[in-house]
Amino acid sequence: MVEDREPVLPFGSFLFPRIFQAFRMSIQPTKLLLAFLALATICLTGRIMDIHKTVPVTAGGFTELDLLYTAERVPTAAQLATFRDTEERTGVFTTLWNFGATRFHHALTALAEKDVVGVTRNVAACYGALLWAFRYHTVYSILFFAVALGVMSVSGGAICRIAALQFAQGEKPGLLEAFHFGRKKFWSFLMAPVAPFAVAVAVGLSIALLGLVGCFTWFIGDLAIGLFLPFAFLSAALIAVIVIGVVAGFNLMFPAIAYEDSDCLDANSRAFSYVYAKPWHMGFYTVMATIYGAVCYAFVRLFTYLLLWITRQFLALGFIGRDDELANIWPAPDFTDFLGSAAATPTNWSTSAGAFLIYVWVLIVVGLMVSFVISFYFSANTIIYALMRNRVDRTRLDEIYTGTDEMAAEPMSFAAPPQSPAAPAEAEPASDRAEKPETSE
């Protein structure tokens, strides 16, 4: 009977509690390993590209990004010229990493204090940092972010596929199977966020062409601009629709491909339609995931700090009265700086080697913590995609395309009595299907 199938929990008719599964899904070792490999590849690429140092650093250790480029104002050419006379330089990747990490922690602090303005300001500053990189270090930024997008297309797509199978059917495919899916759908994942921007640029060039006509054809050009300006307005409106859809629906593109085993066009179509069909649901789910993610990150960061602190404290017990020697190879970690604020001062080659190895191991621990953030991002957005698909298309949460995928696994089900040849397994009575609503508003 229908009454036997209805949920008994008070929130059983709501979908948003499903987002709370993201933490358990994101700490799965396979996802963490995929995220860690992607992070290591991106960081190694940035370090190699930072051999060519182009960002000036002041005597106080501040870069032009720290001092000049904020969410409120953009540095002028004259302001930048005052910094480029300094001799000390650093890399673009190092600048973006340090700036982004600082703003990320400030945003979390503001979120904990319920400071919406502070959260918005710090998030806007991160976007501003990207604009700074592309404006003043264009070639570097294009090359680096192309590599980063390519790496995330494989690893992020694999994480989304694992999360989709885990959320929909309770399956946990292995590392090789997940990597194979990400590699197979590489171009779809890669082009999903690129295609809308390419369309927006193409439409924008038509407006620029109208401006070119007005610039070089004297009075006829002025008349042409006056006549065709409404078409320019329509083109600008289309660009605005695309930009809003991309910004709001970007998080749904990878999960769409992972769930549907489709291409970039289908991913963009679904992301745009879900965002514009139910924007309040999308916003609510995103806010819930952000708040829950911040709480989970705080817990993981605390766990990481305790891991490092406890390890070092017990090591210090062995260095009876010789804390300076331990400090030479491992500076004391701080909750805001796991690598230690005090610089080590090795006195011989063995001390230098030990300090280097400890630094590498601590860096791996920190990398795993950052990998959790990546894994949580893709896992949470995969869940949000399933919820939005259910709200808009009325598609069951356990429905996922596995027809041509080697990672496909049979859904978990209890043993059923054998059926006669006249009643094939695929045939399900319409009454039974009607008794299985996934959710209710």
Protein backbone atom coordinates (compact mmCIF):
# COMPACT_ATOMS: atom_id res chain seq x y z
CA MET A 1 0.00 0.00 0.00
CA VAL A 2 1.05 3.58 -0.51
CA GLU A 3 0.92 4.29 3.21
CA ASP A 4 3.60 1.67 3.83
CA ARG A 5 6.00 3.42 1.48
CA GLU A 6 5.72 6.92 2.87
CA PRO A 7 8.70 8.18 4.87
CA VAL A 8 8.29 8.35 8.61
CA LEU A 9 11.00 10.95 9.26
CA PRO A 10 9.89 14.58 9.65
CA PHE A 11 12.15 15.68 6.77
CA GLY A 12 11.41 12.67 4.58
CA SER A 13 9.58 14.77 1.97
CA PHE A 14 12.48 17.21 1.57
CA LEU A 15 15.58 16.78 -0.55
CA PHE A 16 18.08 19.13 1.06
CA PRO A 17 19.12 16.72 3.88
CA ARG A 18 20.63 14.54 1.15
CA ILE A 19 23.38 17.16 0.87
CA PHE A 20 24.64 16.05 4.27
CA GLN A 21 25.83 12.82 2.65
CA ALA A 22 28.58 14.81 0.91
CA PHE A 23 31.04 14.55 3.80
CA ARG A 24 30.88 10.78 4.00
CA MET A 25 31.17 10.54 0.23
CA SER A 26 34.05 13.00 -0.05
CA ILE A 27 36.35 11.19 2.40
CA GLN A 28 36.29 8.01 0.32
CA PRO A 29 39.96 7.08 -0.34
CA THR A 30 39.49 6.79 -4.11
CA LYS A 31 38.13 10.31 -4.40
CA LEU A 32 40.82 11.71 -2.11
CA LEU A 33 43.53 10.02 -4.15
CA LEU A 34 42.14 11.37 -7.43
CA ALA A 35 41.90 14.86 -5.95
CA PHE A 36 45.41 14.61 -4.49
CA LEU A 37 46.92 13.53 -7.81
CA ALA A 38 45.18 16.41 -9.58
CA LEU A 39 46.34 18.88 -6.94
CA ALA A 40 49.91 17.60 -7.09
CA THR A 41 49.97 17.88 -10.89
CA ILE A 42 48.60 21.42 -10.88
CA CYS A 43 50.96 22.56 -8.13
CA LEU A 44 53.95 20.97 -9.85
CA THR A 45 53.00 22.72 -13.09
CA GLY A 46 52.72 26.04 -11.28
CA ARG A 47 56.07 25.59 -9.54
CA ILE A 48 57.78 24.78 -12.81
CA MET A 49 56.23 27.79 -14.52
CA ASP A 50 57.22 29.96 -11.55
CA ILE A 51 60.87 29.48 -12.45
CA HIS A 52 60.26 32.59 -14.50
CA LYS A 53 59.42 35.07 -11.71
CA THR A 54 57.47 38.09 -12.89
CA VAL A 55 55.54 39.38 -9.85
CA PRO A 56 57.31 42.15 -7.86
CA VAL A 57 57.54 41.81 -4.08
CA THR A 58 58.00 44.74 -1.70
CA ALA A 59 60.39 44.82 1.24
CA GLY A 60 57.54 43.79 3.53
CA GLY A 61 56.86 40.65 1.51
CA PHE A 62 53.69 41.97 -0.14
CA THR A 63 53.02 41.51 -3.83
CA GLU A 64 51.28 43.93 -6.15
CA LEU A 65 48.19 41.73 -5.82
CA ASP A 66 48.21 42.01 -2.02
CA LEU A 67 48.63 45.76 -1.98
CA LEU A 68 46.80 46.98 -5.04
CA TYR A 69 44.29 44.53 -6.44
CA THR A 70 41.31 44.15 -4.14
CA ALA A 71 37.60 43.63 -4.70
CA GLU A 72 37.13 47.42 -4.67
CA ARG A 73 39.73 48.74 -7.12
CA VAL A 74 42.07 47.74 -9.92
CA PRO A 75 45.69 48.97 -10.02
CA THR A 76 46.55 51.48 -12.69
CA ALA A 77 49.61 51.25 -14.90
CA ALA A 78 51.29 54.03 -12.91
CA GLN A 79 50.71 52.21 -9.62
CA LEU A 80 52.11 48.98 -11.01
CA ALA A 81 55.18 50.78 -12.29
CA THR A 82 56.16 51.73 -8.73
CA PHE A 83 56.45 48.06 -7.81
CA ARG A 84 58.30 46.89 -10.87
CA ASP A 85 61.42 48.77 -9.85
CA THR A 86 62.00 46.31 -6.99
CA GLU A 87 64.51 43.54 -7.52
CA GLU A 88 62.74 40.76 -5.61
CA ARG A 89 60.29 38.69 -7.66
CA THR A 90 57.97 35.76 -7.16
CA GLY A 91 55.85 33.59 -9.43
CA VAL A 92 52.25 34.08 -10.52
CA PHE A 93 51.16 30.68 -9.20
CA THR A 94 52.73 31.31 -5.79
CA THR A 95 51.06 34.72 -5.63
CA LEU A 96 47.65 33.34 -6.53
CA TRP A 97 48.01 30.39 -4.15
CA ASN A 98 48.95 32.53 -1.13
CA PHE A 99 46.38 35.20 -1.91
CA GLY A 100 43.61 32.66 -2.50
CA ALA A 101 44.41 30.68 0.66
CA THR A 102 44.34 33.86 2.75
CA ARG A 103 41.04 35.02 1.29
CA PHE A 104 39.56 31.52 1.63
CA HIS A 105 40.29 31.44 5.35
CA HIS A 106 38.99 34.98 5.80
CA ALA A 107 35.77 33.98 4.02
CA LEU A 108 35.33 30.99 6.34
CA THR A 109 35.91 33.21 9.36
CA ALA A 110 33.36 35.71 8.08
CA LEU A 111 30.90 32.88 7.44
CA ALA A 112 31.31 31.64 11.01
CA GLU A 113 30.65 35.19 12.23
CA LYS A 114 27.58 35.45 9.96
CA ASP A 115 29.25 38.34 8.14
CA VAL A 116 27.69 38.10 4.69
CA VAL A 117 29.48 41.23 3.49
CA GLY A 118 32.83 39.80 4.54
CA VAL A 119 32.16 36.53 2.73
CA THR A 120 31.13 38.38 -0.42
CA ARG A 121 34.15 40.67 -0.28
CA ASN A 122 36.63 37.81 0.05
CA VAL A 123 35.00 35.72 -2.68
CA ALA A 124 34.98 38.76 -4.97
CA ALA A 125 38.67 39.29 -4.20
CA CYS A 126 39.43 35.75 -5.41
CA TYR A 127 37.69 36.47 -8.70
CA GLY A 128 39.58 39.75 -8.83
CA ALA A 129 42.85 37.87 -8.45
CA LEU A 130 42.00 35.78 -11.51
CA LEU A 131 41.25 38.95 -13.48
CA TRP A 132 44.58 40.37 -12.32
CA ALA A 133 46.40 37.26 -13.53
CA PHE A 134 44.77 37.27 -16.96
CA ARG A 135 45.17 41.03 -17.40
CA TYR A 136 48.81 41.44 -16.40
CA HIS A 137 50.15 37.90 -16.98
CA THR A 138 48.04 36.81 -19.92
CA VAL A 139 50.25 34.20 -21.56
CA TYR A 140 51.16 32.59 -18.24
CA SER A 141 47.52 32.46 -17.14
CA ILE A 142 46.26 30.96 -20.40
CA LEU A 143 48.87 28.19 -20.32
CA PHE A 144 48.51 27.42 -16.61
CA PHE A 145 44.72 27.39 -16.46
CA ALA A 146 44.55 25.33 -19.65
CA VAL A 147 46.65 22.68 -17.90
CA ALA A 148 44.59 22.99 -14.69
CA LEU A 149 41.31 22.63 -16.58
CA GLY A 150 42.65 19.60 -18.45
CA VAL A 151 43.73 17.91 -15.22
CA MET A 152 40.43 18.66 -13.50
CA SER A 153 38.52 17.43 -16.53
CA VAL A 154 39.90 13.95 -15.91
CA SER A 155 40.08 13.83 -12.11
CA GLY A 156 37.00 15.95 -11.42
CA GLY A 157 34.97 13.99 -13.94
CA ALA A 158 36.10 10.73 -12.34
CA ILE A 159 35.17 11.99 -8.87
CA CYS A 160 31.74 13.08 -10.10
CA ARG A 161 31.14 9.68 -11.69
CA ILE A 162 32.08 7.87 -8.47
CA ALA A 163 29.83 10.21 -6.48
CA ALA A 164 26.96 9.72 -8.94
CA LEU A 165 27.13 5.93 -8.77
CA GLN A 166 27.55 6.03 -5.00
CA PHE A 167 24.63 8.42 -4.46
CA ALA A 168 22.30 6.78 -6.98
CA GLN A 169 23.03 3.09 -6.56
CA GLY A 170 25.35 2.71 -3.59
CA GLU A 171 28.20 1.53 -5.85
CA LYS A 172 31.87 2.42 -5.31
CA PRO A 173 33.89 1.89 -8.49
CA GLY A 174 37.66 1.56 -8.25
CA LEU A 175 40.36 4.04 -9.13
CA LEU A 176 41.18 2.64 -12.57
CA GLU A 177 37.53 2.44 -13.59
CA ALA A 178 36.93 6.03 -12.46
CA PHE A 179 40.03 7.27 -14.24
CA HIS A 180 38.95 5.45 -17.40
CA PHE A 181 35.60 7.26 -17.36
CA GLY A 182 37.28 10.64 -16.86
CA ARG A 183 39.67 9.94 -19.73
CA LYS A 184 36.88 8.67 -21.99
CA LYS A 185 34.78 11.80 -21.47
CA PHE A 186 37.79 14.16 -21.37
CA TRP A 187 36.70 16.40 -24.23
CA SER A 188 33.16 16.65 -22.91
CA PHE A 189 34.39 17.71 -19.47
CA LEU A 190 36.94 20.08 -21.00
CA MET A 191 34.55 21.83 -23.36
CA ALA A 192 31.58 22.04 -20.98
CA PRO A 193 32.74 25.27 -19.27
CA VAL A 194 34.59 26.57 -22.35
CA ALA A 195 31.80 26.36 -24.93
CA PRO A 196 29.45 28.96 -23.34
CA PHE A 197 32.27 31.48 -23.03
CA ALA A 198 33.24 30.86 -26.65
CA VAL A 199 29.65 31.57 -27.70
CA ALA A 200 29.57 34.73 -25.57
CA VAL A 201 32.84 35.96 -27.11
CA ALA A 202 31.55 35.23 -30.62
CA VAL A 203 28.38 37.21 -29.94
CA GLY A 204 30.43 40.02 -28.40
CA LEU A 205 32.58 40.22 -31.52
CA SER A 206 29.47 41.04 -33.53
CA ILE A 207 28.98 44.11 -31.34
CA ALA A 208 32.65 44.98 -31.78
CA LEU A 209 32.21 44.65 -35.54
CA LEU A 210 29.40 47.20 -35.41
CA GLY A 211 31.73 49.52 -33.50
CA LEU A 212 34.40 48.99 -36.15
CA VAL A 213 31.93 50.00 -38.85
CA GLY A 214 31.11 53.15 -36.90
CA CYS A 215 34.77 53.97 -36.47
CA PHE A 216 35.91 53.83 -40.10
CA THR A 217 32.95 54.77 -42.28
CA TRP A 218 32.45 58.37 -41.22
CA PHE A 219 28.83 59.59 -41.09
CA ILE A 220 27.49 56.33 -42.55
CA GLY A 221 29.05 54.49 -39.61
CA ASP A 222 27.28 56.71 -37.10
CA LEU A 223 24.00 56.04 -38.87
CA ALA A 224 24.70 52.31 -38.91
CA ILE A 225 25.27 52.28 -35.17
CA GLY A 226 22.00 54.13 -34.61
CA LEU A 227 20.10 51.71 -36.83
CA PHE A 228 21.62 48.47 -35.55
CA LEU A 229 21.91 49.37 -31.87
CA PRO A 230 18.79 47.33 -30.95
CA PHE A 231 20.52 44.26 -32.35
CA ALA A 232 23.52 45.09 -30.19
CA PHE A 233 21.20 45.25 -27.18
CA LEU A 234 19.81 41.82 -28.04
CA SER A 235 23.33 40.45 -28.40
CA ALA A 236 24.31 41.93 -25.04
CA ALA A 237 21.19 40.45 -23.45
CA LEU A 238 22.15 37.03 -24.84
CA ILE A 239 25.65 37.42 -23.40
CA ALA A 240 24.18 38.34 -20.01
CA VAL A 241 21.94 35.26 -20.08
CA ILE A 242 24.94 33.07 -20.94
CA VAL A 243 27.16 34.58 -18.25
CA ILE A 244 24.50 34.21 -15.55
CA GLY A 245 23.81 30.66 -16.64
CA VAL A 246 27.49 29.73 -16.66
CA VAL A 247 28.23 31.30 -13.28
CA ALA A 248 25.15 29.82 -11.61
CA GLY A 249 25.18 26.49 -13.43
CA PHE A 250 28.91 25.83 -13.71
CA ASN A 251 28.80 23.48 -10.73
CA LEU A 252 26.25 21.27 -12.50
CA MET A 253 28.16 20.70 -15.75
CA PHE A 254 30.57 17.95 -14.64
CA PRO A 255 27.85 16.10 -12.65
CA ALA A 256 25.54 16.24 -15.70
CA ILE A 257 28.09 14.42 -17.84
CA ALA A 258 28.82 11.98 -15.01
CA TYR A 259 25.14 11.13 -14.52
CA GLU A 260 24.01 11.07 -18.14
CA ASP A 261 27.25 9.94 -19.85
CA SER A 262 26.53 12.77 -22.30
CA ASP A 263 28.47 15.53 -24.05
CA CYS A 264 29.20 19.16 -23.29
CA LEU A 265 26.12 20.44 -25.16
CA ASP A 266 23.79 18.33 -23.05
CA ALA A 267 25.64 19.38 -19.89
CA ASN A 268 25.21 23.06 -20.72
CA SER A 269 21.58 22.58 -21.69
CA ARG A 270 20.75 20.85 -18.41
CA ALA A 271 22.76 23.29 -16.29
CA PHE A 272 21.07 26.31 -17.88
CA SER A 273 17.57 24.82 -17.76
CA TYR A 274 17.84 23.76 -14.12
CA VAL A 275 19.18 27.13 -13.00
CA TYR A 276 16.54 29.15 -14.84
CA ALA A 277 13.69 26.73 -14.08
CA LYS A 278 14.17 26.68 -10.31
CA PRO A 279 16.71 29.36 -9.31
CA TRP A 280 15.57 29.45 -5.68
CA HIS A 281 16.09 25.73 -5.26
CA MET A 282 19.52 26.00 -6.85
CA GLY A 283 20.48 28.90 -4.62
CA PHE A 284 19.17 27.19 -1.49
CA TYR A 285 21.01 23.94 -2.19
CA THR A 286 24.22 25.83 -2.96
CA VAL A 287 24.02 27.85 0.26
CA MET A 288 23.32 24.72 2.29
CA ALA A 289 26.26 22.91 0.69
CA THR A 290 28.54 25.91 1.30
CA ILE A 291 27.63 26.20 4.98
CA TYR A 292 27.91 22.46 5.52
CA GLY A 293 31.19 22.38 3.60
CA ALA A 294 32.62 25.14 5.77
CA VAL A 295 31.74 23.18 8.92
CA CYS A 296 33.25 20.00 7.48
CA TYR A 297 36.41 21.83 6.42
CA ALA A 298 36.80 23.30 9.90
CA PHE A 299 36.57 19.80 11.34
CA VAL A 300 39.06 18.37 8.85
CA ARG A 301 41.46 21.25 9.45
CA LEU A 302 41.22 20.72 13.21
CA PHE A 303 41.85 17.01 12.73
CA THR A 304 44.88 17.75 10.55
CA TYR A 305 46.28 20.20 13.07
CA LEU A 306 45.85 17.71 15.93
CA LEU A 307 47.54 15.03 13.84
CA LEU A 308 50.61 17.22 13.27
CA TRP A 309 50.65 18.66 16.79
CA ILE A 310 50.32 15.29 18.55
CA THR A 311 53.03 13.77 16.36
CA ARG A 312 55.43 16.61 17.08
CA GLN A 313 54.68 16.65 20.81
CA PHE A 314 55.49 12.97 21.19
CA LEU A 315 58.63 13.44 19.11
CA ALA A 316 59.61 16.26 21.47
CA LEU A 317 59.46 13.81 24.37
CA GLY A 318 62.33 11.96 22.76
CA PHE A 319 64.36 15.16 22.33
CA ILE A 320 64.96 15.47 26.06
CA GLY A 321 66.09 19.05 26.64
CA ARG A 322 67.02 19.45 22.96
CA ASP A 323 64.00 21.21 21.53
CA ASP A 324 66.21 23.41 19.37
CA GLU A 325 67.36 20.42 17.36
CA LEU A 326 63.78 19.39 16.68
CA ALA A 327 62.93 22.97 15.71
CA ASN A 328 65.78 22.91 13.20
CA ILE A 329 64.16 20.09 11.24
CA TRP A 330 60.48 20.69 12.05
CA PRO A 331 59.16 24.13 13.07
CA ALA A 332 56.17 23.95 15.40
CA PRO A 333 52.92 23.91 13.37
CA ASP A 334 50.27 26.52 13.98
CA PHE A 335 46.55 26.23 13.30
CA THR A 336 46.86 28.91 10.62
CA ASP A 337 50.21 27.67 9.29
CA PHE A 338 50.75 23.92 9.31
CA LEU A 339 54.22 24.21 7.80
CA GLY A 340 55.42 26.29 10.74
CA SER A 341 56.08 30.00 10.96
CA ALA A 342 59.67 29.72 12.19
CA ALA A 343 62.28 28.93 9.53
CA ALA A 344 64.50 25.95 10.15
CA THR A 345 68.25 26.55 10.43
CA PRO A 346 70.02 23.30 9.42
CA THR A 347 73.66 23.03 10.45
CA ASN A 348 74.80 20.04 8.32
CA TRP A 349 73.71 17.90 5.40
CA SER A 350 71.87 15.33 7.51
CA THR A 351 69.85 18.05 9.23
CA SER A 352 69.07 19.61 5.85
CA ALA A 353 67.98 16.24 4.45
CA GLY A 354 65.83 15.49 7.49
CA ALA A 355 64.20 18.92 7.37
CA PHE A 356 63.47 18.49 3.68
CA LEU A 357 61.89 15.05 4.15
CA ILE A 358 59.76 16.28 7.06
CA TYR A 359 58.67 19.26 4.97
CA VAL A 360 57.61 16.92 2.16
CA TRP A 361 55.61 14.66 4.50
CA VAL A 362 53.87 17.61 6.15
CA LEU A 363 53.16 19.00 2.70
CA ILE A 364 51.52 15.70 1.74
CA VAL A 365 49.31 15.87 4.85
CA VAL A 366 48.31 19.43 3.97
CA GLY A 367 47.71 18.32 0.39
CA LEU A 368 45.31 15.64 1.58
CA MET A 369 43.41 18.28 3.53
CA VAL A 370 43.11 20.42 0.39
CA SER A 371 42.15 17.29 -1.55
CA PHE A 372 39.20 16.91 0.78
CA VAL A 373 37.99 20.36 -0.30
CA ILE A 374 38.21 19.32 -3.97
CA SER A 375 36.48 16.00 -3.30
CA PHE A 376 33.73 17.69 -1.28
CA TYR A 377 33.16 20.27 -4.02
CA PHE A 378 32.56 17.66 -6.71
CA SER A 379 30.64 15.28 -4.43
CA ALA A 380 28.30 17.98 -3.10
CA ASN A 381 27.60 19.37 -6.56
CA THR A 382 26.89 15.89 -7.88
CA ILE A 383 24.25 15.52 -5.17
CA ILE A 384 22.86 18.96 -6.00
CA TYR A 385 22.60 17.97 -9.66
CA ALA A 386 20.59 14.87 -8.74
CA LEU A 387 18.28 16.97 -6.56
CA MET A 388 17.77 19.62 -9.24
CA ARG A 389 17.13 16.96 -11.88
CA ASN A 390 14.50 15.47 -9.60
CA ARG A 391 12.85 18.85 -9.02
CA VAL A 392 12.83 19.95 -12.66
CA ASP A 393 12.58 16.73 -14.69
CA ARG A 394 10.99 14.54 -12.00
CA THR A 395 13.75 12.00 -12.54
CA ARG A 396 14.27 9.48 -9.77
CA LEU A 397 17.37 9.99 -7.63
CA ASP A 398 18.55 6.43 -8.26
CA GLU A 399 18.40 6.77 -12.05
CA ILE A 400 21.80 6.98 -13.74
CA TYR A 401 22.96 6.08 -17.22
CA THR A 402 25.18 3.00 -17.18
CA GLY A 403 24.38 1.46 -20.57
CA THR A 404 27.79 1.85 -22.20
CA ASP A 405 29.98 2.35 -19.15
CA GLU A 406 32.47 -0.25 -17.98
CA MET A 407 31.99 1.09 -14.46
CA ALA A 408 28.32 0.13 -14.49
CA ALA A 409 27.18 -2.13 -11.72
CA GLU A 410 23.86 -3.74 -11.06
CA PRO A 411 21.68 -1.80 -8.61
CA MET A 412 21.46 -3.34 -5.19
CA SER A 413 18.15 -5.13 -4.70
CA PHE A 414 16.67 -7.93 -2.68
CA ALA A 415 16.10 -11.29 -4.28
CA ALA A 416 12.78 -11.50 -6.08
CA PRO A 417 10.77 -14.59 -6.97
CA PRO A 418 11.45 -15.90 -10.49
CA GLN A 419 9.05 -14.63 -13.12
CA SER A 420 7.41 -16.60 -15.85
CA PRO A 421 8.54 -16.08 -19.47
CA ALA A 422 5.27 -14.36 -20.18
CA ALA A 423 6.11 -11.65 -17.63
CA PRO A 424 9.60 -10.25 -18.39
CA ALA A 425 11.59 -8.54 -15.63
CA GLU A 426 11.50 -5.19 -17.40
CA ALA A 427 7.75 -4.96 -17.23
CA GLU A 428 6.69 -3.20 -14.08
CA PRO A 429 3.03 -2.52 -13.39
CA ALA A 430 2.08 1.08 -13.73
CA SER A 431 0.46 0.95 -10.32
CA ASP A 432 3.79 -0.03 -8.72
CA ARG A 433 5.58 2.76 -10.47
CA ALA A 434 2.99 5.21 -9.30
CA GLU A 435 3.51 4.09 -5.69
CA LYS A 436 7.17 5.11 -5.70
CA PRO A 437 7.30 8.90 -5.65
CA GLU A 438 10.80 10.07 -4.85
CA THR A 439 9.87 13.29 -3.14
CA SER A 440 7.01 15.65 -2.54
CA GLU A 441 7.10 19.35 -2.46
